PDB file of N, CA and C in Angstrom:
ATOM      1  N   UNK A   1      -5.333   6.708  -8.955  1.00  0.00           N
ATOM      2  CA  UNK A   1      -5.177   6.185  -9.754  1.00  0.00           C
ATOM      3  C   UNK A   1      -6.493   5.572  -9.969  1.00  0.00           C
ATOM      4  N   UNK A   2      -6.842   4.662  -8.893  1.00  0.00           N
ATOM      5  CA  UNK A   2      -7.915   4.452  -8.364  1.00  0.00           C
ATOM      6  C   UNK A   2      -9.135   4.633  -9.419  1.00  0.00           C
ATOM      7  N   UNK A   3      -9.708   6.271  -8.767  1.00  0.00           N
ATOM      8  CA  UNK A   3     -10.253   6.721  -9.255  1.00  0.00           C
ATOM      9  C   UNK A   3     -10.446   7.411 -11.535  1.00  0.00           C
ATOM     10  N   UNK A   4      -8.815   7.542 -11.864  1.00  0.00           N
ATOM     11  CA  UNK A   4      -8.670   7.467 -13.092  1.00  0.00           C
ATOM     12  C   UNK A   4      -8.989   5.815 -13.869  1.00  0.00           C
ATOM     13  N   UNK A   5      -8.817   5.263 -13.159  1.00  0.00           N
ATOM     14  CA  UNK A   5      -9.534   3.813 -13.600  1.00  0.00           C
ATOM     15  C   UNK A   5     -10.746   3.422 -13.699  1.00  0.00           C
ATOM     16  N   UNK A   6     -11.466   3.625 -12.055  1.00  0.00           N
ATOM     17  CA  UNK A   6     -12.911   3.575 -12.100  1.00  0.00           C
ATOM     18  C   UNK A   6     -13.719   4.853 -13.696  1.00  0.00           C
ATOM     19  N   UNK A   7     -12.872   6.007 -14.107  1.00  0.00           N
ATOM     20  CA  UNK A   7     -13.025   7.116 -14.822  1.00  0.00           C
ATOM     21  C   UNK A   7     -13.440   6.290 -16.822  1.00  0.00           C
ATOM     22  N   UNK A   8     -12.320   5.344 -16.549  1.00  0.00           N
ATOM     23  CA  UNK A   8     -12.177   4.849 -17.649  1.00  0.00           C
ATOM     24  C   UNK A   8     -12.569   3.611 -17.993  1.00  0.00           C
ATOM     25  N   UNK A   9     -13.443   3.026 -16.634  1.00  0.00           N
ATOM     26  CA  UNK A   9     -13.907   2.024 -16.963  1.00  0.00           C
ATOM     27  C   UNK A   9     -16.005   2.154 -17.486  1.00  0.00           C
ATOM     28  N   UNK A  10     -16.189   3.791 -16.975  1.00  0.00           N
ATOM     29  CA  UNK A  10     -17.535   4.145 -17.081  1.00  0.00           C
ATOM     30  C   UNK A  10     -17.417   4.678 -18.392  1.00  0.00           C
ATOM     31  N   UNK A  11     -15.987   4.645 -19.778  1.00  0.00           N
ATOM     32  CA  UNK A  11     -16.454   4.983 -20.481  1.00  0.00           C
ATOM     33  C   UNK A  11     -16.645   3.727 -21.655  1.00  0.00           C
ATOM     34  N   UNK A  12     -16.261   2.330 -20.851  1.00  0.00           N
ATOM     35  CA  UNK A  12     -16.215   1.524 -21.740  1.00  0.00           C
ATOM     36  C   UNK A  12     -15.157   1.197 -22.535  1.00  0.00           C
ATOM     37  N   UNK A  13     -14.068   1.799 -22.383  1.00  0.00           N
ATOM     38  CA  UNK A  13     -13.405   1.448 -23.449  1.00  0.00           C
ATOM     39  C   UNK A  13     -12.896   0.342 -23.150  1.00  0.00           C
ATOM     40  N   UNK A  14     -12.690  -1.082 -24.771  1.00  0.00           N
ATOM     41  CA  UNK A  14     -12.300  -2.586 -23.998  1.00  0.00           C
ATOM     42  C   UNK A  14     -11.243  -2.231 -24.611  1.00  0.00           C
ATOM     43  N   UNK A  15      -9.635  -1.719 -24.916  1.00  0.00           N
ATOM     44  CA  UNK A  15      -8.318  -2.177 -25.162  1.00  0.00           C
ATOM     45  C   UNK A  15      -7.960  -1.034 -23.209  1.00  0.00           C
ATOM     46  N   UNK A  16      -8.404  -0.453 -22.869  1.00  0.00           N
ATOM     47  CA  UNK A  16      -8.039   0.178 -21.154  1.00  0.00           C
ATOM     48  C   UNK A  16      -9.063  -1.260 -20.432  1.00  0.00           C
ATOM     49  N   UNK A  17     -10.217  -1.041 -20.773  1.00  0.00           N
ATOM     50  CA  UNK A  17     -10.886  -2.602 -20.155  1.00  0.00           C
ATOM     51  C   UNK A  17     -10.018  -3.839 -19.979  1.00  0.00           C
ATOM     52  N   UNK A  18      -8.994  -4.350 -20.910  1.00  0.00           N
ATOM     53  CA  UNK A  18      -8.346  -5.314 -20.950  1.00  0.00           C
ATOM     54  C   UNK A  18      -6.749  -5.154 -20.964  1.00  0.00           C
ATOM     55  N   UNK A  19      -6.282  -3.288 -20.907  1.00  0.00           N
ATOM     56  CA  UNK A  19      -5.372  -3.611 -19.891  1.00  0.00           C
ATOM     57  C   UNK A  19      -5.516  -3.449 -18.792  1.00  0.00           C
ATOM     58  N   UNK A  20      -6.833  -3.326 -18.156  1.00  0.00           N
ATOM     59  CA  UNK A  20      -6.949  -3.375 -16.375  1.00  0.00           C
ATOM     60  C   UNK A  20      -7.376  -5.039 -16.239  1.00  0.00           C
ATOM     61  N   UNK A  21      -8.044  -5.365 -16.750  1.00  0.00           N
ATOM     62  CA  UNK A  21      -8.208  -7.580 -16.197  1.00  0.00           C
ATOM     63  C   UNK A  21      -6.848  -7.701 -16.222  1.00  0.00           C
ATOM     64  N   UNK A  22      -5.805  -7.200 -16.976  1.00  0.00           N
ATOM     65  CA  UNK A  22      -4.262  -8.046 -17.248  1.00  0.00           C
ATOM     66  C   UNK A  22      -3.896  -7.658 -16.198  1.00  0.00           C
ATOM     67  N   UNK A  23      -3.530  -5.843 -16.004  1.00  0.00           N
ATOM     68  CA  UNK A  23      -2.977  -5.388 -14.604  1.00  0.00           C
ATOM     69  C   UNK A  23      -3.161  -6.590 -12.751  1.00  0.00           C
ATOM     70  N   UNK A  24      -4.737  -6.124 -13.497  1.00  0.00           N
ATOM     71  CA  UNK A  24      -5.879  -7.114 -12.033  1.00  0.00           C
ATOM     72  C   UNK A  24      -5.100  -7.457 -11.118  1.00  0.00           C
ATOM     73  N   UNK A  25      -4.047  -8.951 -11.360  1.00  0.00           N
ATOM     74  CA  UNK A  25      -3.127  -9.834 -10.907  1.00  0.00           C
ATOM     75  C   UNK A  25      -1.999  -8.693  -9.860  1.00  0.00           C
ATOM     76  N   UNK A  26      -1.401  -8.325 -10.174  1.00  0.00           N
ATOM     77  CA  UNK A  26      -0.393  -7.781 -10.146  1.00  0.00           C
ATOM     78  C   UNK A  26      -0.907  -6.546  -9.473  1.00  0.00           C
ATOM     79  N   UNK A  27      -2.127  -6.139  -9.549  1.00  0.00           N
ATOM     80  CA  UNK A  27      -2.811  -5.055  -8.680  1.00  0.00           C
ATOM     81  C   UNK A  27      -3.432  -5.904  -7.405  1.00  0.00           C
ATOM     82  N   UNK A  28      -3.587  -6.993  -7.227  1.00  0.00           N
ATOM     83  CA  UNK A  28      -4.419  -7.224  -6.206  1.00  0.00           C
ATOM     84  C   UNK A  28      -2.086  -7.380  -5.322  1.00  0.00           C
ATOM     85  N   UNK A  29      -1.496  -8.145  -6.259  1.00  0.00           N
ATOM     86  CA  UNK A  29      -0.249  -8.532  -5.184  1.00  0.00           C
ATOM     87  C   UNK A  29       0.209  -7.436  -4.979  1.00  0.00           C
ATOM     88  N   UNK A  30       0.318  -6.065  -5.402  1.00  0.00           N
ATOM     89  CA  UNK A  30       0.429  -5.189  -4.726  1.00  0.00           C
ATOM     90  C   UNK A  30       0.058  -4.246  -4.187  1.00  0.00           C
ATOM     91  N   UNK A  31      -1.279  -4.579  -3.654  1.00  0.00           N
ATOM     92  CA  UNK A  31      -2.165  -4.001  -1.983  1.00  0.00           C
ATOM     93  C   UNK A  31      -1.850  -4.775  -1.175  1.00  0.00           C
ATOM     94  N   UNK A  32      -1.803  -6.180  -1.456  1.00  0.00           N
ATOM     95  CA  UNK A  32      -1.307  -7.391  -0.341  1.00  0.00           C
ATOM     96  C   UNK A  32       0.251  -6.795   0.061  1.00  0.00           C
ATOM     97  N   UNK A  33       0.431  -6.396  -0.955  1.00  0.00           N
ATOM     98  CA  UNK A  33       2.677  -6.702  -0.026  1.00  0.00           C
ATOM     99  C   UNK A  33       2.280  -5.152   0.666  1.00  0.00           C
ATOM    100  N   UNK A  34       1.036  -4.229   0.047  1.00  0.00           N
ATOM    101  CA  UNK A  34       1.865  -3.010   1.148  1.00  0.00           C
ATOM    102  C   UNK A  34       0.758  -3.367   2.557  1.00  0.00           C
ATOM    103  N   UNK A  35      -0.162  -3.432   2.492  1.00  0.00           N
ATOM    104  CA  UNK A  35      -0.809  -4.772   3.447  1.00  0.00           C
ATOM    105  C   UNK A  35       0.387  -4.784   4.836  1.00  0.00           C
ATOM    106  N   UNK A  36       0.917  -5.666   4.193  1.00  0.00           N
ATOM    107  CA  UNK A  36       1.964  -6.522   4.654  1.00  0.00           C
ATOM    108  C   UNK A  36       3.071  -5.853   5.110  1.00  0.00           C
ATOM    109  N   UNK A  37       3.117  -5.249   4.538  1.00  0.00           N
ATOM    110  CA  UNK A  37       4.477  -3.456   4.870  1.00  0.00           C
ATOM    111  C   UNK A  37       3.694  -3.066   5.922  1.00  0.00           C
ATOM    112  N   UNK A  38       2.593  -2.883   5.735  1.00  0.00           N
ATOM    113  CA  UNK A  38       1.859  -2.241   7.233  1.00  0.00           C
ATOM    114  C   UNK A  38       1.909  -2.337   8.772  1.00  0.00           C
ATOM    115  N   UNK A  39       1.410  -3.646   8.464  1.00  0.00           N
ATOM    116  CA  UNK A  39       1.273  -4.308   9.132  1.00  0.00           C
ATOM    117  C   UNK A  39       3.024  -4.772  10.429  1.00  0.00           C
ATOM    118  N   UNK A  40       3.969  -5.310   9.099  1.00  0.00           N
ATOM    119  CA  UNK A  40       4.999  -5.281   9.628  1.00  0.00           C
ATOM    120  C   UNK A  40       4.989  -4.155  10.336  1.00  0.00           C
ATOM    121  N   UNK A  41       5.831  -2.748   9.893  1.00  0.00           N
ATOM    122  CA  UNK A  41       5.945  -1.972  10.308  1.00  0.00           C
ATOM    123  C   UNK A  41       4.637  -1.436  11.944  1.00  0.00           C
ATOM    124  N   UNK A  42       3.939  -1.713  11.234  1.00  0.00           N
ATOM    125  CA  UNK A  42       3.587  -1.698  12.970  1.00  0.00           C
ATOM    126  C   UNK A  42       3.898  -2.622  14.242  1.00  0.00           C
ATOM    127  N   UNK A  43       3.937  -4.283  13.598  1.00  0.00           N
ATOM    128  CA  UNK A  43       4.550  -4.600  14.557  1.00  0.00           C
ATOM    129  C   UNK A  43       5.948  -4.150  15.062  1.00  0.00           C
ATOM    130  N   UNK A  44       7.136  -3.914  14.360  1.00  0.00           N
ATOM    131  CA  UNK A  44       8.123  -3.956  14.258  1.00  0.00           C
ATOM    132  C   UNK A  44       8.261  -2.263  15.621  1.00  0.00           C
ATOM    133  N   UNK A  45       6.934  -1.165  14.876  1.00  0.00           N
ATOM    134  CA  UNK A  45       7.358  -0.585  15.875  1.00  0.00           C
ATOM    135  C   UNK A  45       6.268  -0.869  17.489  1.00  0.00           C
ATOM    136  N   UNK A  46       5.301  -1.338  17.655  1.00  0.00           N
ATOM    137  CA  UNK A  46       4.848  -1.775  18.916  1.00  0.00           C
ATOM    138  C   UNK A  46       6.180  -2.877  19.981  1.00  0.00           C
ATOM    139  N   UNK A  47       6.812  -3.426  18.695  1.00  0.00           N
ATOM    140  CA  UNK A  47       7.843  -3.802  19.470  1.00  0.00           C
ATOM    141  C   UNK A  47       8.845  -2.481  20.711  1.00  0.00           C
ATOM    142  N   UNK A  48       8.994  -1.510  19.668  1.00  0.00           N
ATOM    143  CA  UNK A  48      10.309  -0.971  19.583  1.00  0.00           C
ATOM    144  C   UNK A  48       9.834   0.008  20.478  1.00  0.00           C
ATOM    145  N   UNK A  49       8.233  -0.037  20.748  1.00  0.00           N
ATOM    146  CA  UNK A  49       7.444   0.849  21.619  1.00  0.00           C
ATOM    147  C   UNK A  49       7.780   0.201  23.222  1.00  0.00           C
ATOM    148  N   UNK A  50       7.977  -1.077  23.130  1.00  0.00           N
ATOM    149  CA  UNK A  50       7.836  -2.037  24.540  1.00  0.00           C
ATOM    150  C   UNK A  50       9.374  -1.915  24.428  1.00  0.00           C
ATOM    151  N   UNK A  51      10.296  -1.763  24.072  1.00  0.00           N
ATOM    152  CA  UNK A  51      11.187  -1.650  24.862  1.00  0.00           C
ATOM    153  C   UNK A  51      12.132  -1.017  24.631  1.00  0.00           C
ATOM    154  N   UNK A  52      10.980   0.350  24.133  1.00  0.00           N
ATOM    155  CA  UNK A  52      11.095   2.155  24.623  1.00  0.00           C
ATOM    156  C   UNK A  52      12.682   2.955  23.651  1.00  0.00           C
ATOM    157  N   UNK A  53      13.243   1.837  22.655  1.00  0.00           N
ATOM    158  CA  UNK A  53      13.396   2.341  21.681  1.00  0.00           C
ATOM    159  C   UNK A  53      12.356   3.460  20.776  1.00  0.00           C
ATOM    160  N   UNK A  54      11.499   2.934  20.573  1.00  0.00           N
ATOM    161  CA  UNK A  54      10.530   3.911  19.650  1.00  0.00           C
ATOM    162  C   UNK A  54      10.818   5.830  19.670  1.00  0.00           C
ATOM    163  N   UNK A  55      11.094   5.319  20.728  1.00  0.00           N
ATOM    164  CA  UNK A  55      10.891   7.259  21.538  1.00  0.00           C
ATOM    165  C   UNK A  55      12.207   7.984  20.906  1.00  0.00           C
ATOM    166  N   UNK A  56      13.322   6.973  21.160  1.00  0.00           N
ATOM    167  CA  UNK A  56      14.006   7.452  21.063  1.00  0.00           C
ATOM    168  C   UNK A  56      14.651   7.875  19.130  1.00  0.00           C
ATOM    169  N   UNK A  57      13.686   6.770  18.345  1.00  0.00           N
ATOM    170  CA  UNK A  57      13.955   6.441  16.915  1.00  0.00           C
ATOM    171  C   UNK A  57      13.307   7.873  16.158  1.00  0.00           C
ATOM    172  N   UNK A  58      11.706   7.930  16.822  1.00  0.00           N
ATOM    173  CA  UNK A  58      11.282   8.966  17.023  1.00  0.00           C
ATOM    174  C   UNK A  58      11.990  10.161  16.893  1.00  0.00           C
ATOM    175  N   UNK A  59      12.439  10.361  18.091  1.00  0.00           N
ATOM    176  CA  UNK A  59      13.244  11.745  18.691  1.00  0.00           C
ATOM    177  C   UNK A  59      14.107  11.767  16.878  1.00  0.00           C
ATOM    178  N   UNK A  60      15.717  10.843  16.843  1.00  0.00           N
ATOM    179  CA  UNK A  60      16.030  11.288  15.700  1.00  0.00           C
ATOM    180  C   UNK A  60      15.475  11.031  13.753  1.00  0.00           C
ATOM    181  N   UNK A  61      13.982  10.539  14.261  1.00  0.00           N
ATOM    182  CA  UNK A  61      13.552  10.896  12.697  1.00  0.00           C
ATOM    183  C   UNK A  61      13.130  12.639  12.886  1.00  0.00           C
ATOM    184  N   UNK A  62      12.517  13.336  14.148  1.00  0.00           N
ATOM    185  CA  UNK A  62      11.997  14.592  13.886  1.00  0.00           C
ATOM    186  C   UNK A  62      13.374  15.194  13.850  1.00  0.00           C
ATOM    187  N   UNK A  63      14.655  15.300  13.959  1.00  0.00           N
ATOM    188  CA  UNK A  63      15.445  15.763  13.778  1.00  0.00           C
ATOM    189  C   UNK A  63      16.010  15.538  11.962  1.00  0.00           C
TER     190      UNK A  63
END
């Protein structure tokens, strides 16, 4: 998706440019959301590893 946007930016089409600028805040919010979700998942995994539940959960997921 990012490569597609970069490709369009190279063409310097004003319509695509305007759309990209309009969607930039949403993209930043999505990026932050993804980062926070990744951090939360890592935190949960570390907690589960400490409590030794994660091993069982991994086995459950693999089945």
